[in-house]
């Protein structure tokens, strides 16, 4: 099943948010998912198992190094069509 997710990572207790967010985004490159980075969130699309694995790895890796909150919305009814020029993978 193809699903879409919108995910935001919020590092806590640091003035420099970029390292934690960059780490979260770098994890996506290891999975067979399409993604589009936005200013407030990242949109991810792909097979459900791949999207869930990527989200799990994203949180696990960031949480191992930073205090973090990750907010995610997952849908099987809101198709995500990413323009290949704007997306990763």
N, C-alpha and C. Protein backbone atom coordinates (compact mmCIF):
# COMPACT_ATOMS: atom_id res chain seq x y z
N UNK A 1 0.84 -1.17 0.00
CA UNK A 1 0.00 0.00 0.00
C UNK A 1 0.90 1.24 0.00
N UNK A 2 0.56 2.20 -0.84
CA UNK A 2 1.29 3.46 -0.89
C UNK A 2 0.71 4.40 0.16
N UNK A 3 1.58 5.02 0.95
CA UNK A 3 1.16 5.98 1.96
C UNK A 3 1.98 7.25 1.83
N UNK A 4 1.46 8.30 2.43
CA UNK A 4 2.17 9.58 2.51
C UNK A 4 2.27 9.96 3.97
N UNK A 5 3.36 10.64 4.32
CA UNK A 5 3.55 11.11 5.68
C UNK A 5 4.05 12.54 5.64
N UNK A 6 3.63 13.30 6.62
CA UNK A 6 4.19 14.62 6.84
C UNK A 6 4.84 14.57 8.21
N UNK A 7 6.13 14.88 8.28
CA UNK A 7 6.86 14.73 9.53
C UNK A 7 7.63 16.02 9.84
N UNK A 8 7.63 16.37 11.12
CA UNK A 8 8.39 17.51 11.62
C UNK A 8 9.21 17.03 12.81
N UNK A 9 10.47 17.46 12.86
CA UNK A 9 11.37 17.14 13.96
C UNK A 9 11.66 18.42 14.72
N UNK A 10 11.47 18.37 16.04
CA UNK A 10 11.69 19.54 16.88
C UNK A 10 12.74 19.21 17.94
N UNK A 11 13.99 19.60 17.72
CA UNK A 11 15.03 19.40 18.74
C UNK A 11 14.76 20.33 19.93
N UNK A 12 14.96 19.82 21.12
CA UNK A 12 14.71 20.60 22.33
C UNK A 12 16.01 20.96 23.03
N UNK A 13 16.03 22.10 23.68
CA UNK A 13 17.14 22.47 24.54
C UNK A 13 18.41 22.89 23.82
N UNK A 14 18.29 23.31 22.57
CA UNK A 14 19.47 23.73 21.82
C UNK A 14 19.12 24.96 21.00
N UNK A 15 20.08 25.87 20.90
CA UNK A 15 19.88 27.05 20.06
C UNK A 15 20.14 26.73 18.59
N UNK A 16 20.90 25.67 18.33
CA UNK A 16 21.23 25.29 16.96
C UNK A 16 20.41 24.05 16.58
N UNK A 17 19.35 24.26 15.82
CA UNK A 17 18.44 23.18 15.46
C UNK A 17 18.91 22.38 14.25
N UNK A 18 19.76 22.98 13.42
CA UNK A 18 20.13 22.38 12.13
C UNK A 18 20.76 20.99 12.24
N UNK A 19 21.68 20.72 13.16
CA UNK A 19 22.30 19.38 13.16
C UNK A 19 21.30 18.24 13.35
N UNK A 20 20.35 18.40 14.24
CA UNK A 20 19.36 17.34 14.46
C UNK A 20 18.44 17.17 13.25
N UNK A 21 18.03 18.28 12.67
CA UNK A 21 17.15 18.22 11.51
C UNK A 21 17.90 17.65 10.31
N UNK A 22 19.14 18.06 10.12
CA UNK A 22 19.95 17.50 9.02
C UNK A 22 20.14 16.00 9.18
N UNK A 23 20.35 15.55 10.40
CA UNK A 23 20.49 14.11 10.65
C UNK A 23 19.20 13.38 10.29
N UNK A 24 18.07 13.93 10.70
CA UNK A 24 16.78 13.30 10.39
C UNK A 24 16.58 13.17 8.89
N UNK A 25 16.89 14.21 8.16
CA UNK A 25 16.70 14.18 6.71
C UNK A 25 17.69 13.23 6.05
N UNK A 26 18.90 13.15 6.56
CA UNK A 26 19.89 12.26 5.95
C UNK A 26 19.48 10.80 6.04
N UNK A 27 18.72 10.44 7.05
CA UNK A 27 18.24 9.07 7.21
C UNK A 27 17.36 8.66 6.02
N UNK A 28 16.58 9.60 5.50
CA UNK A 28 15.66 9.29 4.41
C UNK A 28 16.38 8.80 3.16
N UNK A 29 17.61 9.21 2.97
CA UNK A 29 18.38 8.82 1.79
C UNK A 29 18.68 7.32 1.77
N UNK A 30 18.55 6.67 2.91
CA UNK A 30 18.84 5.25 3.02
C UNK A 30 17.64 4.36 2.70
N UNK A 31 16.49 4.96 2.44
CA UNK A 31 15.26 4.20 2.25
C UNK A 31 14.65 4.47 0.89
N UNK A 32 13.91 3.51 0.39
CA UNK A 32 13.24 3.63 -0.90
C UNK A 32 11.94 4.41 -0.72
N UNK A 33 12.10 5.70 -0.41
CA UNK A 33 10.96 6.59 -0.26
C UNK A 33 11.25 7.87 -1.04
N UNK A 34 10.19 8.52 -1.47
CA UNK A 34 10.31 9.85 -2.07
C UNK A 34 10.08 10.85 -0.96
N UNK A 35 10.77 11.96 -1.01
CA UNK A 35 10.56 12.97 0.02
C UNK A 35 10.80 14.36 -0.55
N UNK A 36 10.12 15.32 0.08
CA UNK A 36 10.25 16.72 -0.28
C UNK A 36 10.42 17.51 1.01
N UNK A 37 11.52 18.22 1.12
CA UNK A 37 11.84 18.99 2.32
C UNK A 37 11.18 20.35 2.22
N UNK A 38 10.43 20.70 3.26
CA UNK A 38 9.79 22.00 3.34
C UNK A 38 10.38 22.81 4.48
N UNK A 39 9.89 24.01 4.66
CA UNK A 39 10.41 24.87 5.72
C UNK A 39 9.97 24.43 7.11
N UNK A 40 8.79 23.81 7.22
CA UNK A 40 8.27 23.40 8.52
C UNK A 40 8.13 21.90 8.69
N UNK A 41 8.18 21.17 7.57
CA UNK A 41 8.01 19.72 7.63
C UNK A 41 8.56 19.09 6.36
N UNK A 42 8.64 17.78 6.39
CA UNK A 42 9.07 17.01 5.23
C UNK A 42 7.94 16.06 4.85
N UNK A 43 7.65 15.99 3.55
CA UNK A 43 6.65 15.08 3.03
C UNK A 43 7.35 13.83 2.51
N UNK A 44 6.83 12.68 2.87
CA UNK A 44 7.43 11.39 2.51
C UNK A 44 6.35 10.54 1.86
N UNK A 45 6.72 9.77 0.84
CA UNK A 45 5.76 8.90 0.17
C UNK A 45 6.46 7.62 -0.25
N UNK A 46 5.70 6.53 -0.23
CA UNK A 46 6.24 5.24 -0.67
C UNK A 46 5.42 4.10 -0.12
N UNK A 47 5.95 2.90 -0.30
CA UNK A 47 5.31 1.73 0.28
C UNK A 47 5.26 1.87 1.80
N UNK A 48 4.16 1.46 2.40
CA UNK A 48 3.95 1.64 3.82
C UNK A 48 5.12 1.13 4.67
N UNK A 49 5.62 -0.04 4.34
CA UNK A 49 6.70 -0.62 5.13
C UNK A 49 7.96 0.24 5.07
N UNK A 50 8.26 0.78 3.90
CA UNK A 50 9.45 1.62 3.73
C UNK A 50 9.28 2.95 4.45
N UNK A 51 8.10 3.55 4.36
CA UNK A 51 7.85 4.83 5.04
C UNK A 51 7.93 4.64 6.55
N UNK A 52 7.31 3.58 7.06
CA UNK A 52 7.34 3.33 8.50
C UNK A 52 8.77 3.04 8.98
N UNK A 53 9.53 2.28 8.21
CA UNK A 53 10.91 2.00 8.58
C UNK A 53 11.75 3.27 8.58
N UNK A 54 11.53 4.14 7.60
CA UNK A 54 12.28 5.39 7.54
C UNK A 54 11.94 6.29 8.72
N UNK A 55 10.65 6.38 9.06
CA UNK A 55 10.24 7.20 10.20
C UNK A 55 10.81 6.67 11.50
N UNK A 56 10.79 5.35 11.67
CA UNK A 56 11.34 4.74 12.87
C UNK A 56 12.84 5.01 12.98
N UNK A 57 13.56 4.84 11.89
CA UNK A 57 15.01 5.09 11.89
C UNK A 57 15.30 6.57 12.13
N UNK A 58 14.49 7.43 11.53
CA UNK A 58 14.68 8.87 11.70
C UNK A 58 14.60 9.23 13.18
N UNK A 59 13.54 8.79 13.84
CA UNK A 59 13.38 9.11 15.25
C UNK A 59 14.48 8.47 16.10
N UNK A 60 14.76 7.20 15.85
CA UNK A 60 15.76 6.48 16.66
C UNK A 60 17.13 7.14 16.59
N UNK A 61 17.56 7.51 15.39
CA UNK A 61 18.89 8.12 15.24
C UNK A 61 18.98 9.49 15.85
N UNK A 62 17.94 10.30 15.64
CA UNK A 62 17.97 11.65 16.20
C UNK A 62 17.86 11.58 17.72
N UNK A 63 16.97 10.74 18.23
CA UNK A 63 16.76 10.63 19.67
C UNK A 63 17.98 10.06 20.39
N UNK A 64 18.83 9.33 19.69
CA UNK A 64 20.05 8.81 20.30
C UNK A 64 21.06 9.92 20.60
N UNK A 65 20.92 11.05 19.91
CA UNK A 65 21.89 12.14 20.07
C UNK A 65 21.29 13.42 20.64
N UNK A 66 19.98 13.60 20.52
CA UNK A 66 19.34 14.85 20.90
C UNK A 66 18.04 14.59 21.63
N UNK A 67 17.63 15.54 22.47
CA UNK A 67 16.26 15.53 23.00
C UNK A 67 15.39 16.04 21.86
N UNK A 68 14.35 15.31 21.51
CA UNK A 68 13.61 15.64 20.30
C UNK A 68 12.14 15.24 20.42
N UNK A 69 11.30 16.01 19.75
CA UNK A 69 9.90 15.66 19.53
C UNK A 69 9.74 15.50 18.03
N UNK A 70 9.09 14.41 17.61
CA UNK A 70 8.81 14.20 16.20
C UNK A 70 7.31 14.06 16.04
N UNK A 71 6.75 14.90 15.19
CA UNK A 71 5.31 14.87 14.91
C UNK A 71 5.11 14.32 13.50
N UNK A 72 4.18 13.37 13.36
CA UNK A 72 3.98 12.72 12.07
C UNK A 72 2.50 12.50 11.82
N UNK A 73 2.11 12.78 10.58
CA UNK A 73 0.76 12.45 10.11
C UNK A 73 0.92 11.46 8.96
N UNK A 74 0.23 10.34 9.04
CA UNK A 74 0.34 9.27 8.05
C UNK A 74 -1.02 9.07 7.39
N UNK A 75 -1.02 8.92 6.06
CA UNK A 75 -2.29 8.79 5.34
C UNK A 75 -2.17 7.81 4.18
N UNK A 76 -3.23 7.06 3.95
CA UNK A 76 -3.30 6.24 2.75
C UNK A 76 -4.30 6.82 1.75
N UNK A 77 -4.88 7.97 2.08
CA UNK A 77 -5.88 8.58 1.21
C UNK A 77 -5.48 9.93 0.64
N UNK A 78 -4.39 10.46 1.09
CA UNK A 78 -3.91 11.75 0.57
C UNK A 78 -2.67 11.49 -0.27
N UNK A 79 -2.86 11.20 -1.54
CA UNK A 79 -1.70 10.87 -2.36
C UNK A 79 -0.73 12.04 -2.45
N UNK A 80 0.51 11.71 -2.51
CA UNK A 80 1.56 12.71 -2.59
C UNK A 80 2.24 12.56 -3.93
N UNK A 81 2.13 13.56 -4.78
CA UNK A 81 2.85 13.51 -6.05
C UNK A 81 3.98 14.51 -5.96
N UNK A 82 5.18 14.01 -5.87
CA UNK A 82 6.35 14.86 -5.73
C UNK A 82 6.95 15.13 -7.09
N UNK A 83 7.26 16.36 -7.34
CA UNK A 83 7.99 16.74 -8.54
C UNK A 83 9.42 16.27 -8.36
N UNK A 84 9.95 15.46 -9.28
CA UNK A 84 11.28 14.88 -9.12
C UNK A 84 12.37 15.94 -9.02
N UNK A 85 12.13 17.13 -9.55
CA UNK A 85 13.11 18.19 -9.44
C UNK A 85 13.18 18.77 -8.04
N UNK A 86 12.11 18.62 -7.27
CA UNK A 86 12.04 19.18 -5.94
C UNK A 86 12.25 18.15 -4.84
N UNK A 87 12.25 16.88 -5.18
CA UNK A 87 12.25 15.86 -4.17
C UNK A 87 13.57 15.11 -4.10
N UNK A 88 13.73 14.37 -2.99
CA UNK A 88 14.90 13.52 -2.83
C UNK A 88 14.64 12.16 -3.39
N UNK A 89 15.67 11.36 -3.42
CA UNK A 89 15.71 9.97 -3.85
C UNK A 89 16.07 9.80 -5.26
